[in-house]
Amino acid sequence: MNDPLKEGVRQLGLTWMLENCDHEIAEAARRNLPHHELLARLVAGECEARQARAVQRRIRAARIPAVRTIDTFDWNWPESINRDQVLHLFTLGFLRQKANVVLVGNVGLGKTHIAAALARTACERGHAVLCAQAVDIVNDLADARDKPGFARAIQRYAKPALLLVDELGYLPVDRVGAELLFQVLGARYERGSTVITTNRPFKDWAVTFANDATLASAVLDRVVHHCETVTITGRSYRMKDRIERQ
């Protein structure tokens, strides 16, 4: 005959309680815990398990480019980086203010590492996140551009609390691509935070946006208005072993 307690817990979808109730009941009996403390332990365990599952769902949905944390960042490699500024970003104050972060530097200096770590931290703290390379955003929206679902495609990038646009400027985009990126960044202006990694300083963004200085200026106006800019200089970390051998 089914245990009515377990059957009720199962029907309520309390999976942690279902898996751990026997152990917790036995532990409560061994320690002579009152009923309310046993119930509190069961509820706390279920809440923690649900929170952990929610974090993992947000991380999967975010499509974070790599498993990175700020604890594994090599601060000694870049020739120049403002460590205090970067660490302060992990308080996520910029996210609460719907401000942006732009990480500027040559390839191999850890921009994506820092951005991915920020994305993961935001997921862990309950925020909706989406990560994508700039060229993938352009290709996705260009494919949807003349279809009924185009507005939904724009909303996919406009809606998350944090959007990571990785490798902006590494590959050229045409006029259509530049306008699509502008639509995304314009839709997010003062509505959500965007983290951008780029190899181009702001003065060269016209090259990124189809050599259109007017369009680049409009993009910069929306990105930089509320923005933390982190500049990183040095040689590529991917060359580290070769440089050390030499």
Protein backbone atom coordinates (compact mmCIF):
# COMPACT_ATOMS: atom_id res chain seq x y z
CA MET A 1 0.00 0.00 0.00
CA ASN A 2 1.30 3.44 -0.91
CA ASP A 3 2.55 5.74 1.83
CA PRO A 4 0.00 8.62 1.77
CA LEU A 5 2.71 11.12 2.80
CA LYS A 6 5.00 10.14 -0.06
CA GLU A 7 2.12 10.00 -2.51
CA GLY A 8 1.05 13.52 -1.53
CA VAL A 9 4.62 14.82 -1.80
CA ARG A 10 4.94 13.18 -5.22
CA GLN A 11 1.70 14.74 -6.48
CA LEU A 12 2.87 18.16 -5.29
CA GLY A 13 6.10 17.73 -7.25
CA LEU A 14 8.31 18.08 -4.17
CA THR A 15 11.08 15.92 -5.57
CA TRP A 16 13.75 16.72 -2.97
CA MET A 17 11.34 15.92 -0.14
CA LEU A 18 10.34 12.67 -1.83
CA GLU A 19 13.96 11.58 -2.16
CA ASN A 20 15.04 12.68 1.32
CA CYS A 21 12.02 12.39 3.63
CA ASP A 22 12.98 8.94 4.99
CA HIS A 23 16.46 10.16 5.88
CA GLU A 24 15.19 13.40 7.43
CA ILE A 25 12.49 11.60 9.46
CA ALA A 26 15.06 9.10 10.74
CA GLU A 27 17.51 11.91 11.55
CA ALA A 28 14.78 13.86 13.39
CA ALA A 29 13.93 10.76 15.46
CA ARG A 30 17.61 10.13 16.26
CA ARG A 31 18.11 13.73 17.38
CA ASN A 32 14.67 13.98 19.01
CA LEU A 33 13.81 17.05 16.91
CA PRO A 34 10.35 18.62 17.28
CA HIS A 35 7.92 18.28 14.37
CA HIS A 36 8.20 21.92 13.34
CA GLU A 37 12.00 21.62 13.02
CA LEU A 38 11.65 18.49 10.87
CA LEU A 39 9.18 20.35 8.64
CA ALA A 40 11.51 23.35 8.46
CA ARG A 41 14.40 21.09 7.35
CA LEU A 42 12.25 19.47 4.66
CA VAL A 43 11.03 22.83 3.36
CA ALA A 44 14.55 24.33 3.39
CA GLY A 45 15.95 21.35 1.51
CA GLU A 46 13.21 21.56 -1.13
CA CYS A 47 13.73 25.32 -1.56
CA GLU A 48 17.50 24.94 -1.96
CA ALA A 49 17.07 22.15 -4.49
CA ARG A 50 14.57 24.18 -6.50
CA GLN A 51 16.84 27.20 -6.47
CA ALA A 52 19.78 25.10 -7.69
CA ARG A 53 17.66 23.65 -10.51
CA ALA A 54 16.48 27.14 -11.48
CA VAL A 55 20.09 28.37 -11.65
CA GLN A 56 21.04 25.45 -13.91
CA ARG A 57 18.05 26.17 -16.17
CA ARG A 58 19.08 29.83 -16.47
CA ILE A 59 22.69 28.83 -17.22
CA ARG A 60 21.58 26.42 -19.96
CA ALA A 61 19.21 29.00 -21.46
CA ALA A 62 21.95 31.67 -21.38
CA ARG A 63 24.24 29.70 -23.72
CA ILE A 64 27.31 30.97 -21.91
CA PRO A 65 30.30 30.52 -24.25
CA ALA A 66 32.52 28.78 -21.68
CA VAL A 67 32.53 27.68 -18.05
CA ARG A 68 34.40 30.57 -16.46
CA THR A 69 34.56 32.22 -13.05
CA ILE A 70 36.42 35.36 -12.08
CA ASP A 71 38.39 33.29 -9.53
CA THR A 72 40.22 31.53 -12.39
CA PHE A 73 41.18 34.72 -14.24
CA ASP A 74 44.96 35.26 -14.53
CA TRP A 75 45.39 38.86 -13.37
CA ASN A 76 49.16 38.73 -13.91
CA TRP A 77 49.00 38.22 -17.67
CA PRO A 78 47.53 41.47 -19.09
CA GLU A 79 49.96 44.37 -19.14
CA SER A 80 47.15 46.65 -18.02
CA ILE A 81 43.76 45.95 -16.46
CA ASN A 82 41.84 47.71 -13.69
CA ARG A 83 41.31 44.81 -11.32
CA ASP A 84 39.22 46.76 -8.81
CA GLN A 85 36.93 47.98 -11.57
CA VAL A 86 36.40 44.46 -12.90
CA LEU A 87 35.76 42.96 -9.48
CA HIS A 88 33.26 45.71 -8.71
CA LEU A 89 31.27 44.63 -11.79
CA PHE A 90 30.55 41.34 -10.01
CA THR A 91 28.38 43.18 -7.48
CA LEU A 92 26.04 43.51 -10.51
CA GLY A 93 25.31 47.13 -9.67
CA PHE A 94 25.38 47.91 -13.40
CA LEU A 95 22.64 45.33 -13.95
CA ARG A 96 20.36 46.91 -11.39
CA GLN A 97 20.92 50.30 -13.08
CA LYS A 98 20.34 48.81 -16.58
CA ALA A 99 23.77 50.07 -17.56
CA ASN A 100 26.21 48.47 -20.01
CA VAL A 101 29.74 47.08 -19.86
CA VAL A 102 32.19 47.23 -22.76
CA LEU A 103 35.39 45.18 -22.56
CA VAL A 104 37.94 46.50 -25.05
CA GLY A 105 41.24 44.83 -25.98
CA ASN A 106 43.11 42.70 -28.46
CA VAL A 107 42.47 38.98 -28.84
CA GLY A 108 43.47 36.57 -26.09
CA LEU A 109 43.36 38.98 -23.14
CA GLY A 110 40.42 37.45 -21.26
CA LYS A 111 37.54 39.66 -22.36
CA THR A 112 35.25 36.70 -23.03
CA HIS A 113 36.42 35.04 -19.80
CA ILE A 114 35.31 38.06 -17.76
CA ALA A 115 32.07 38.46 -19.74
CA ALA A 116 31.17 34.76 -19.38
CA ALA A 117 31.89 34.91 -15.64
CA LEU A 118 29.60 37.95 -15.35
CA ALA A 119 26.89 36.09 -17.25
CA ARG A 120 27.17 33.09 -14.95
CA THR A 121 27.06 35.28 -11.84
CA ALA A 122 23.92 36.98 -13.13
CA CYS A 123 22.30 33.56 -13.69
CA GLU A 124 23.21 32.49 -10.17
CA ARG A 125 21.57 35.62 -8.77
CA GLY A 126 18.29 35.07 -10.54
CA HIS A 127 18.61 37.13 -13.72
CA ALA A 128 17.66 36.06 -17.25
CA VAL A 129 20.75 36.05 -19.49
CA LEU A 130 21.50 35.38 -23.16
CA CYS A 131 24.95 35.15 -24.75
CA ALA A 132 25.79 35.25 -28.46
CA GLN A 133 28.56 36.31 -30.79
CA ALA A 134 27.77 39.49 -32.69
CA VAL A 135 27.96 37.72 -36.05
CA ASP A 136 25.51 35.04 -34.86
CA ILE A 137 23.01 37.70 -33.80
CA VAL A 138 23.29 39.28 -37.26
CA ASN A 139 22.87 35.95 -39.05
CA ASP A 140 19.91 34.95 -36.87
CA LEU A 141 18.08 38.24 -37.40
CA ALA A 142 18.94 38.43 -41.10
CA ASP A 143 17.36 35.00 -41.57
CA ALA A 144 14.19 36.15 -39.76
CA ARG A 145 14.13 39.64 -41.30
CA ASP A 146 11.46 39.07 -43.95
CA LYS A 147 9.43 36.56 -41.97
CA PRO A 148 6.43 36.99 -39.63
CA GLY A 149 8.53 36.03 -36.60
CA PHE A 150 11.01 38.93 -36.96
CA ALA A 151 9.56 40.91 -34.04
CA ARG A 152 9.86 37.84 -31.80
CA ALA A 153 13.46 37.37 -32.96
CA ILE A 154 14.29 40.94 -31.92
CA GLN A 155 12.53 40.39 -28.58
CA ARG A 156 14.66 37.30 -27.94
CA TYR A 157 17.67 39.61 -27.71
CA ALA A 158 15.87 42.61 -26.25
CA LYS A 159 14.13 40.85 -23.35
CA PRO A 160 16.87 39.31 -21.11
CA ALA A 161 18.11 41.34 -18.16
CA LEU A 162 21.65 40.75 -19.47
CA LEU A 163 22.72 40.25 -23.08
CA LEU A 164 26.34 39.32 -23.82
CA VAL A 165 27.40 40.40 -27.32
CA ASP A 166 30.73 38.68 -27.84
CA GLU A 167 33.41 39.57 -30.42
CA LEU A 168 31.82 42.74 -31.79
CA GLY A 169 34.05 44.04 -34.58
CA TYR A 170 36.08 40.87 -35.18
CA LEU A 171 34.22 40.15 -38.42
CA PRO A 172 32.87 42.85 -40.73
CA VAL A 173 29.12 43.25 -41.13
CA ASP A 174 27.29 44.82 -44.05
CA ARG A 175 24.77 47.64 -43.86
CA VAL A 176 21.89 45.27 -43.12
CA GLY A 177 23.84 43.57 -40.33
CA ALA A 178 24.82 46.92 -38.84
CA GLU A 179 21.21 48.06 -38.82
CA LEU A 180 20.08 44.82 -37.17
CA LEU A 181 22.64 45.23 -34.38
CA PHE A 182 21.47 48.81 -33.98
CA GLN A 183 17.88 47.60 -33.57
CA VAL A 184 18.92 45.17 -30.83
CA LEU A 185 21.00 47.72 -28.93
CA GLY A 186 18.35 50.38 -29.39
CA ALA A 187 15.64 48.06 -28.07
CA ARG A 188 17.73 47.38 -24.97
CA TYR A 189 18.57 51.01 -24.23
CA GLU A 190 17.67 51.74 -20.59
CA ARG A 191 15.64 48.50 -20.50
CA GLY A 192 18.40 45.98 -19.88
CA SER A 193 22.16 45.64 -19.55
CA THR A 194 24.42 44.67 -22.45
CA VAL A 195 27.95 43.37 -22.01
CA ILE A 196 30.05 43.78 -25.16
CA THR A 197 33.50 42.39 -25.90
CA THR A 198 35.33 44.06 -28.76
CA ASN A 199 38.79 44.47 -30.22
CA ARG A 200 38.00 47.97 -31.48
CA PRO A 201 38.16 51.21 -29.46
CA PHE A 202 35.10 53.41 -29.70
CA LYS A 203 36.75 55.74 -32.24
CA ASP A 204 36.92 52.81 -34.71
CA TRP A 205 33.33 51.60 -34.34
CA ALA A 206 32.36 53.09 -37.69
CA VAL A 207 34.40 50.26 -39.26
CA THR A 208 32.34 47.76 -37.31
CA PHE A 209 29.07 49.33 -38.45
CA ALA A 210 29.54 49.15 -42.22
CA ASN A 211 31.78 52.24 -42.31
CA ASP A 212 28.74 54.35 -41.47
CA ALA A 213 29.84 57.05 -39.05
CA THR A 214 26.26 58.22 -38.47
CA LEU A 215 25.02 54.75 -37.57
CA ALA A 216 28.07 54.11 -35.38
CA SER A 217 27.45 57.39 -33.57
CA ALA A 218 23.82 56.42 -32.92
CA VAL A 219 24.94 53.04 -31.54
CA LEU A 220 27.57 54.63 -29.32
CA ASP A 221 25.04 57.15 -28.04
CA ARG A 222 22.91 54.30 -26.69
CA VAL A 223 25.72 52.03 -25.50
CA VAL A 224 27.98 54.56 -23.81
CA HIS A 225 25.32 56.75 -22.16
CA HIS A 226 25.21 54.41 -19.13
CA CYS A 227 28.36 52.34 -19.40
CA GLU A 228 31.44 50.92 -17.67
CA THR A 229 34.37 50.63 -20.09
CA VAL A 230 37.14 48.18 -19.23
CA THR A 231 40.30 48.49 -21.34
CA ILE A 232 42.74 45.55 -21.32
CA THR A 233 46.16 45.69 -22.95
CA GLY A 234 48.90 43.13 -23.49
CA ARG A 235 49.71 40.08 -25.58
CA SER A 236 47.42 37.15 -26.25
CA TYR A 237 47.22 34.62 -23.41
CA ARG A 238 47.10 31.89 -26.03
CA MET A 239 50.73 32.78 -26.84
CA LYS A 240 51.75 32.47 -23.18
CA ASP A 241 53.44 29.05 -23.38
CA ARG A 242 55.36 29.96 -26.55
CA ILE A 243 56.51 33.28 -25.09
CA GLU A 244 57.62 31.63 -21.83
CA ARG A 245 59.60 28.97 -23.74
CA GLN A 246 61.39 31.66 -25.72
